[in-house]
C-alpha atoms as a PDB file:
ATOM      1  CA  MET A   1       6.281   5.581  11.962  1.00  0.00           C
ATOM      2  CA  ALA A   2       5.561   8.962  10.381  1.00  0.00           C
ATOM      3  CA  SER A   3       3.098   9.195   7.493  1.00  0.00           C
ATOM      4  CA  VAL A   4       3.636  11.646   4.631  1.00  0.00           C
ATOM      5  CA  LEU A   5       1.460  13.122   1.900  1.00  0.00           C
ATOM      6  CA  VAL A   6       3.556  14.315  -1.062  1.00  0.00           C
ATOM      7  CA  VAL A   7       2.348  17.376  -2.998  1.00  0.00           C
ATOM      8  CA  ASP A   8       4.251  18.320  -6.140  1.00  0.00           C
ATOM      9  CA  ASP A   9       3.067  19.559  -9.506  1.00  0.00           C
ATOM     10  CA  GLN A  10       5.710  17.587 -11.427  1.00  0.00           C
ATOM     11  CA  SER A  11       4.802  13.919 -11.780  1.00  0.00           C
ATOM     12  CA  LEU A  12       8.397  12.676 -12.156  1.00  0.00           C
ATOM     13  CA  ARG A  13       9.591  14.529  -9.060  1.00  0.00           C
ATOM     14  CA  ARG A  14       6.531  13.374  -7.146  1.00  0.00           C
ATOM     15  CA  ALA A  15       7.232   9.751  -8.063  1.00  0.00           C
ATOM     16  CA  GLY A  16      10.861  10.170  -7.047  1.00  0.00           C
ATOM     17  CA  LEU A  17       9.928  11.572  -3.659  1.00  0.00           C
ATOM     18  CA  ARG A  18       7.505   8.709  -3.078  1.00  0.00           C
ATOM     19  CA  MET A  19      10.157   6.129  -3.921  1.00  0.00           C
ATOM     20  CA  LEU A  20      12.860   7.733  -1.794  1.00  0.00           C
ATOM     21  CA  LEU A  21      10.645   8.236   1.252  1.00  0.00           C
ATOM     22  CA  ALA A  22       9.075   4.794   1.017  1.00  0.00           C
ATOM     23  CA  ALA A  23      12.571   3.291   1.299  1.00  0.00           C
ATOM     24  CA  GLU A  24      12.939   4.760   4.798  1.00  0.00           C
ATOM     25  CA  PRO A  25      11.898   2.191   7.445  1.00  0.00           C
ATOM     26  CA  ASP A  26      10.203   4.733   9.698  1.00  0.00           C
ATOM     27  CA  LEU A  27       8.393   6.723   6.987  1.00  0.00           C
ATOM     28  CA  THR A  28       5.329   5.787   4.981  1.00  0.00           C
ATOM     29  CA  VAL A  29       3.802   7.676   2.050  1.00  0.00           C
ATOM     30  CA  VAL A  30       0.006   7.623   2.291  1.00  0.00           C
ATOM     31  CA  GLY A  31      -0.616   9.436  -0.994  1.00  0.00           C
ATOM     32  CA  ASP A  32       0.497  12.049  -3.482  1.00  0.00           C
ATOM     33  CA  THR A  33      -1.100  14.725  -5.616  1.00  0.00           C
ATOM     34  CA  ALA A  34      -0.244  17.583  -7.947  1.00  0.00           C
ATOM     35  CA  SER A  35      -3.154  19.754  -6.830  1.00  0.00           C
ATOM     36  CA  GLY A  36      -3.373  22.037  -3.831  1.00  0.00           C
ATOM     37  CA  THR A  37      -7.144  21.544  -3.680  1.00  0.00           C
ATOM     38  CA  GLU A  38      -6.717  17.785  -3.732  1.00  0.00           C
ATOM     39  CA  ALA A  39      -4.000  18.068  -1.088  1.00  0.00           C
ATOM     40  CA  VAL A  40      -6.476  19.764   1.240  1.00  0.00           C
ATOM     41  CA  ARG A  41      -9.035  17.017   0.662  1.00  0.00           C
ATOM     42  CA  MET A  42      -6.525  14.204   1.070  1.00  0.00           C
ATOM     43  CA  SER A  43      -4.965  15.678   4.203  1.00  0.00           C
ATOM     44  CA  ALA A  44      -8.400  15.858   5.832  1.00  0.00           C
ATOM     45  CA  ALA A  45      -9.253  12.295   4.825  1.00  0.00           C
ATOM     46  CA  LEU A  46      -5.893  10.588   5.394  1.00  0.00           C
ATOM     47  CA  ARG A  47      -4.560  12.660   8.303  1.00  0.00           C
ATOM     48  CA  PRO A  48      -0.858  12.235   7.489  1.00  0.00           C
ATOM     49  CA  ASP A  49       1.643  13.390  10.077  1.00  0.00           C
ATOM     50  CA  VAL A  50       3.380  15.595   7.508  1.00  0.00           C
ATOM     51  CA  VAL A  51       2.338  17.195   4.225  1.00  0.00           C
ATOM     52  CA  LEU A  52       5.434  17.674   2.071  1.00  0.00           C
ATOM     53  CA  LEU A  53       4.602  20.663  -0.125  1.00  0.00           C
ATOM     54  CA  GLY A  54       7.212  20.446  -2.822  1.00  0.00           C
ATOM     55  CA  GLY A  55       6.035  21.823  -6.143  1.00  0.00           C
ATOM     56  CA  HIS A  56       3.826  24.743  -5.178  1.00  0.00           C
ATOM     57  CA  ARG A  57       5.659  27.928  -4.358  1.00  0.00           C
ATOM     58  CA  PRO A  58       4.220  29.661  -1.275  1.00  0.00           C
ATOM     59  CA  GLY A  59       2.476  32.317  -3.339  1.00  0.00           C
ATOM     60  CA  THR A  60      -1.229  33.181  -3.171  1.00  0.00           C
ATOM     61  CA  ASN A  61      -2.486  29.672  -3.986  1.00  0.00           C
ATOM     62  CA  GLY A  62       0.219  28.004  -1.935  1.00  0.00           C
ATOM     63  CA  ILE A  63      -0.577  30.115   1.122  1.00  0.00           C
ATOM     64  CA  ASP A  64      -4.251  29.223   0.814  1.00  0.00           C
ATOM     65  CA  THR A  65      -3.359  25.531   0.583  1.00  0.00           C
ATOM     66  CA  ILE A  66      -1.158  25.779   3.683  1.00  0.00           C
ATOM     67  CA  ARG A  67      -3.850  27.637   5.619  1.00  0.00           C
ATOM     68  CA  ARG A  68      -6.599  25.156   4.704  1.00  0.00           C
ATOM     69  CA  ILE A  69      -4.473  22.152   5.638  1.00  0.00           C
ATOM     70  CA  ALA A  70      -3.187  23.623   8.897  1.00  0.00           C
ATOM     71  CA  HIS A  71      -6.556  25.029   9.975  1.00  0.00           C
ATOM     72  CA  PRO A  72      -9.283  22.738   8.630  1.00  0.00           C
ATOM     73  CA  PRO A  73     -12.933  23.640   9.318  1.00  0.00           C
ATOM     74  CA  ARG A  74     -14.282  21.795  12.350  1.00  0.00           C
ATOM     75  CA  LEU A  75     -16.902  19.941  10.339  1.00  0.00           C
ATOM     76  CA  ALA A  76     -14.372  18.894   7.692  1.00  0.00           C
ATOM     77  CA  ALA A  77     -12.392  17.026  10.302  1.00  0.00           C
ATOM     78  CA  ILE A  78     -15.287  14.857  11.498  1.00  0.00           C
ATOM     79  CA  PRO A  79     -15.231  12.166   8.748  1.00  0.00           C
ATOM     80  CA  GLY A  80     -11.490  11.552   9.125  1.00  0.00           C
ATOM     81  CA  PRO A  81      -9.732   9.468  11.744  1.00  0.00           C
ATOM     82  CA  GLY A  82      -9.343  12.453  14.048  1.00  0.00           C
ATOM     83  CA  GLY A  83      -6.322  13.945  15.742  1.00  0.00           C
ATOM     84  CA  PRO A  84      -4.545  17.227  15.048  1.00  0.00           C
ATOM     85  CA  PRO A  85      -4.165  18.487  11.481  1.00  0.00           C
ATOM     86  CA  PRO A  86      -0.992  17.534   9.605  1.00  0.00           C
ATOM     87  CA  ARG A  87       2.184  19.553   9.924  1.00  0.00           C
ATOM     88  CA  ILE A  88       3.513  21.108   6.748  1.00  0.00           C
ATOM     89  CA  LEU A  89       7.068  21.038   5.422  1.00  0.00           C
ATOM     90  CA  VAL A  90       7.638  23.320   2.428  1.00  0.00           C
ATOM     91  CA  LEU A  91      10.426  22.782  -0.097  1.00  0.00           C
ATOM     92  CA  THR A  92      11.563  26.158  -1.410  1.00  0.00           C
ATOM     93  CA  SER A  93      13.638  27.325  -4.360  1.00  0.00           C
ATOM     94  CA  THR A  94      16.233  30.080  -4.291  1.00  0.00           C
ATOM     95  CA  GLY A  95      14.519  33.450  -4.491  1.00  0.00           C
ATOM     96  CA  GLN A  96      11.375  32.358  -2.647  1.00  0.00           C
ATOM     97  CA  GLU A  97      12.693  33.085   0.843  1.00  0.00           C
ATOM     98  CA  GLY A  98      10.601  36.235   1.147  1.00  0.00           C
ATOM     99  CA  ASP A  99       7.426  34.144   1.029  1.00  0.00           C
ATOM    100  CA  ALA A 100       8.387  32.327   4.221  1.00  0.00           C
ATOM    101  CA  TYR A 101       6.763  34.854   6.560  1.00  0.00           C
ATOM    102  CA  ALA A 102       3.316  34.551   4.945  1.00  0.00           C
ATOM    103  CA  ALA A 103       3.627  30.770   4.833  1.00  0.00           C
ATOM    104  CA  LEU A 104       4.574  30.616   8.523  1.00  0.00           C
ATOM    105  CA  ARG A 105       1.613  32.764   9.481  1.00  0.00           C
ATOM    106  CA  ALA A 106      -0.613  30.472   7.416  1.00  0.00           C
ATOM    107  CA  GLY A 107       0.582  27.455   9.395  1.00  0.00           C
ATOM    108  CA  ALA A 108       3.717  25.997   7.794  1.00  0.00           C
ATOM    109  CA  GLY A 109       5.944  24.182  10.254  1.00  0.00           C
ATOM    110  CA  GLY A 110       9.198  24.166   8.366  1.00  0.00           C
ATOM    111  CA  PHE A 111      11.135  25.015   5.223  1.00  0.00           C
ATOM    112  CA  LEU A 112      13.884  23.215   3.378  1.00  0.00           C
ATOM    113  CA  PRO A 113      15.696  24.078   0.122  1.00  0.00           C
ATOM    114  CA  LYS A 114      14.731  21.946  -2.861  1.00  0.00           C
ATOM    115  CA  ASP A 115      18.377  21.025  -3.323  1.00  0.00           C
ATOM    116  CA  ALA A 116      18.558  19.445   0.147  1.00  0.00           C
ATOM    117  CA  THR A 117      20.033  15.973   0.367  1.00  0.00           C
ATOM    118  CA  LEU A 118      17.888  12.913   1.064  1.00  0.00           C
ATOM    119  CA  ARG A 119      19.342  12.729   4.569  1.00  0.00           C
ATOM    120  CA  GLU A 120      18.405  16.374   5.206  1.00  0.00           C
ATOM    121  CA  LEU A 121      14.914  15.839   3.825  1.00  0.00           C
ATOM    122  CA  THR A 122      14.141  12.724   5.852  1.00  0.00           C
ATOM    123  CA  ALA A 123      15.601  14.312   8.988  1.00  0.00           C
ATOM    124  CA  ALA A 124      13.423  17.395   8.455  1.00  0.00           C
ATOM    125  CA  ILE A 125      10.304  15.262   8.007  1.00  0.00           C
ATOM    126  CA  ARG A 126      11.014  13.466  11.269  1.00  0.00           C
ATOM    127  CA  VAL A 127      11.590  16.742  13.103  1.00  0.00           C
ATOM    128  CA  VAL A 128       8.375  18.311  11.788  1.00  0.00           C
ATOM    129  CA  ALA A 129       6.388  15.132  12.481  1.00  0.00           C
ATOM    130  CA  ALA A 130       7.598  15.274  16.090  1.00  0.00           C
ATOM    131  CA  GLY A 131       6.175  18.778  16.455  1.00  0.00           C
ATOM    132  CA  ASP A 132       9.341  20.814  16.098  1.00  0.00           C
ATOM    133  CA  SER A 133      10.277  23.263  13.368  1.00  0.00           C
ATOM    134  CA  VAL A 134      12.821  23.264  10.564  1.00  0.00           C
ATOM    135  CA  ILE A 135      14.065  26.516   9.085  1.00  0.00           C
ATOM    136  CA  THR A 136      17.394  27.367   7.468  1.00  0.00           C
ATOM    137  CA  PRO A 137      19.533  30.338   8.558  1.00  0.00           C
ATOM    138  CA  GLY A 138      18.865  32.044   5.217  1.00  0.00           C
ATOM    139  CA  LEU A 139      15.120  31.782   5.692  1.00  0.00           C
ATOM    140  CA  THR A 140      15.445  33.027   9.256  1.00  0.00           C
ATOM    141  CA  ARG A 141      17.198  36.149   7.958  1.00  0.00           C
ATOM    142  CA  ALA A 142      14.510  36.630   5.322  1.00  0.00           C
ATOM    143  CA  LEU A 143      11.826  36.286   7.990  1.00  0.00           C
ATOM    144  CA  ILE A 144      13.456  38.897  10.200  1.00  0.00           C
ATOM    145  CA  ASP A 145      13.928  41.263   7.256  1.00  0.00           C
ATOM    146  CA  THR A 146      10.257  40.934   6.322  1.00  0.00           C
ATOM    147  CA  VAL A 147       9.126  41.724   9.859  1.00  0.00           C
ATOM    148  CA  ARG A 148      11.504  44.703  10.008  1.00  0.00           C
ATOM    149  CA  HIS A 149      10.217  46.156   6.737  1.00  0.00           C
ATOM    150  CA  GLU A 150       6.548  45.586   7.554  1.00  0.00           C
ATOM    151  CA  GLY A 151       6.859  47.498  10.812  1.00  0.00           C
ATOM    152  CA  ALA A 152       4.278  47.313  13.587  1.00  0.00           C
ATOM    153  CA  PRO A 153       1.125  45.306  12.901  1.00  0.00           C
ATOM    154  CA  ARG A 154      -2.083  47.163  12.197  1.00  0.00           C
ATOM    155  CA  PRO A 155      -4.721  47.092  14.962  1.00  0.00           C
ATOM    156  CA  GLY A 156      -6.972  44.115  14.484  1.00  0.00           C
ATOM    157  CA  GLY A 157      -4.468  42.406  12.228  1.00  0.00           C
ATOM    158  CA  ARG A 158      -4.114  39.533  14.698  1.00  0.00           C
ATOM    159  CA  PRO A 159      -6.763  38.428  17.208  1.00  0.00           C
ATOM    160  CA  VAL A 160      -4.268  38.270  20.100  1.00  0.00           C
ATOM    161  CA  GLY A 161      -1.211  40.216  21.125  1.00  0.00           C
ATOM    162  CA  PRO A 162       1.549  39.879  23.703  1.00  0.00           C
ATOM    163  CA  GLY A 163      -0.807  41.250  26.350  1.00  0.00           C
ATOM    164  CA  THR A 164      -2.404  37.806  26.551  1.00  0.00           C
ATOM    165  CA  LEU A 165       0.854  36.351  27.875  1.00  0.00           C
ATOM    166  CA  THR A 166       1.956  36.309  31.509  1.00  0.00           C
ATOM    167  CA  GLU A 167       5.228  37.994  32.423  1.00  0.00           C
ATOM    168  CA  ARG A 168       6.968  34.625  32.683  1.00  0.00           C
ATOM    169  CA  GLU A 169       5.561  33.527  29.317  1.00  0.00           C
ATOM    170  CA  ARG A 170       6.910  36.712  27.752  1.00  0.00           C
ATOM    171  CA  ASP A 171      10.330  35.955  29.235  1.00  0.00           C
ATOM    172  CA  VAL A 172      10.229  32.458  27.777  1.00  0.00           C
ATOM    173  CA  LEU A 173       9.048  33.734  24.383  1.00  0.00           C
ATOM    174  CA  VAL A 174      11.881  36.266  24.203  1.00  0.00           C
ATOM    175  CA  ALA A 175      14.336  33.490  25.067  1.00  0.00           C
ATOM    176  CA  VAL A 176      12.869  31.222  22.369  1.00  0.00           C
ATOM    177  CA  ALA A 177      13.093  34.034  19.812  1.00  0.00           C
ATOM    178  CA  SER A 178      16.710  34.596  20.852  1.00  0.00           C
ATOM    179  CA  GLY A 179      17.524  31.037  19.836  1.00  0.00           C
ATOM    180  CA  TRP A 180      17.860  29.459  23.271  1.00  0.00           C
ATOM    181  CA  SER A 181      17.059  25.774  23.758  1.00  0.00           C
ATOM    182  CA  ASN A 182      14.676  24.620  26.489  1.00  0.00           C
ATOM    183  CA  ALA A 183      17.646  23.556  28.622  1.00  0.00           C
ATOM    184  CA  GLU A 184      19.299  26.968  28.233  1.00  0.00           C
ATOM    185  CA  ILE A 185      16.057  28.769  29.061  1.00  0.00           C
ATOM    186  CA  ALA A 186      15.610  26.611  32.150  1.00  0.00           C
ATOM    187  CA  ALA A 187      19.131  27.387  33.348  1.00  0.00           C
ATOM    188  CA  ARG A 188      18.913  31.133  32.712  1.00  0.00           C
ATOM    189  CA  LEU A 189      15.449  31.541  34.232  1.00  0.00           C
ATOM    190  CA  SER A 190      16.100  29.083  37.092  1.00  0.00           C
ATOM    191  CA  ILE A 191      13.112  26.886  36.286  1.00  0.00           C
ATOM    192  CA  ALA A 192      12.768  23.216  35.361  1.00  0.00           C
ATOM    193  CA  PRO A 193      12.986  22.146  31.704  1.00  0.00           C
ATOM    194  CA  THR A 194       9.525  20.609  32.027  1.00  0.00           C
ATOM    195  CA  THR A 195       8.216  23.998  33.141  1.00  0.00           C
ATOM    196  CA  VAL A 196       9.799  25.627  30.094  1.00  0.00           C
ATOM    197  CA  LYS A 197       8.114  23.060  27.858  1.00  0.00           C
ATOM    198  CA  SER A 198       4.785  23.788  29.541  1.00  0.00           C
ATOM    199  CA  HIS A 199       5.242  27.550  29.084  1.00  0.00           C
ATOM    200  CA  VAL A 200       6.070  27.077  25.400  1.00  0.00           C
ATOM    201  CA  SER A 201       2.922  24.988  24.918  1.00  0.00           C
ATOM    202  CA  HIS A 202       0.805  27.662  26.606  1.00  0.00           C
ATOM    203  CA  ILE A 203       2.412  30.398  24.488  1.00  0.00           C
ATOM    204  CA  LEU A 204       1.717  28.536  21.244  1.00  0.00           C
ATOM    205  CA  ALA A 205      -1.888  27.938  22.268  1.00  0.00           C
ATOM    206  CA  LYS A 206      -2.467  31.572  23.240  1.00  0.00           C
ATOM    207  CA  ILE A 207      -1.040  33.102  20.069  1.00  0.00           C
ATOM    208  CA  GLY A 208      -2.527  30.490  17.761  1.00  0.00           C
ATOM    209  CA  ALA A 209       0.820  29.060  16.641  1.00  0.00           C
ATOM    210  CA  ARG A 210       1.632  25.416  15.968  1.00  0.00           C
ATOM    211  CA  ALA A 211       5.418  25.599  16.053  1.00  0.00           C
ATOM    212  CA  ARG A 212       8.228  27.485  17.752  1.00  0.00           C
ATOM    213  CA  VAL A 213       9.265  29.198  14.534  1.00  0.00           C
ATOM    214  CA  GLN A 214       5.833  30.847  14.340  1.00  0.00           C
ATOM    215  CA  ALA A 215       6.280  32.047  17.918  1.00  0.00           C
ATOM    216  CA  VAL A 216       9.599  33.579  16.841  1.00  0.00           C
ATOM    217  CA  ALA A 217       7.798  35.453  14.049  1.00  0.00           C
ATOM    218  CA  PHE A 218       5.229  36.655  16.596  1.00  0.00           C
ATOM    219  CA  ALA A 219       7.967  37.945  18.923  1.00  0.00           C
ATOM    220  CA  TYR A 220       9.648  39.913  16.136  1.00  0.00           C
ATOM    221  CA  GLU A 221       6.345  41.196  14.794  1.00  0.00           C
ATOM    222  CA  TYR A 222       5.329  42.670  18.137  1.00  0.00           C
ATOM    223  CA  GLY A 223       8.752  44.079  18.971  1.00  0.00           C
ATOM    224  CA  LEU A 224       9.492  41.726  21.886  1.00  0.00           C
ATOM    225  CA  VAL A 225      12.878  41.172  20.268  1.00  0.00           C
ATOM    226  CA  HIS A 226      14.632  43.291  17.681  1.00  0.00           C
ATOM    227  CA  PRO A 227      16.752  42.086  14.756  1.00  0.00           C
ATOM    228  CA  ALA A 228      20.223  43.470  14.447  1.00  0.00           C
ATOM    229  CA  ALA A 229      20.587  46.260  11.906  1.00  0.00           C
END
């Protein structure tokens, strides 16, 4: 059973999302709100598996909301039931794809178009709740374009760099950023799939990422892989 907190600034759409998700046997809606500030408070108190951020575009306020939910202060987490912070699935509108990079760096775990079907939405929630990432091909292209146009990161812009990774971890990260599955990485690097999974976990921990898609952004940002022209 995956628990969901619905965040949307339109009351009718919020009610609709609650009703649709509550009808799924393996999903439960623990609350809803129109406010990003209230979403931060509720996510810390209720500890849902997924925060569905539907009605706040990932602009300045949206990025702050994502960051505060994904990286709660240590003391703020004490009163709650414990466990890792919620994962965040953002519903985006056409034209907002360029905001994906900032949202990913803030801690978002996935993106889905607002016109997605119910089946796509519920599937995405389950994937994000399980710890994986959801991102559409269009958003992937926007992410790569943003990294390409930003160029190399400024010194001090990120507390860690690829130098913190072992040679094998760098190989695995490049493979992940190239779109390979764990099974494909295992076959190509002649290691066990469980070893690949362990390497991916270590990579995420070292670079401060919570999902594979953020590791992909890291690889492009530091030039470990290069987008096609």
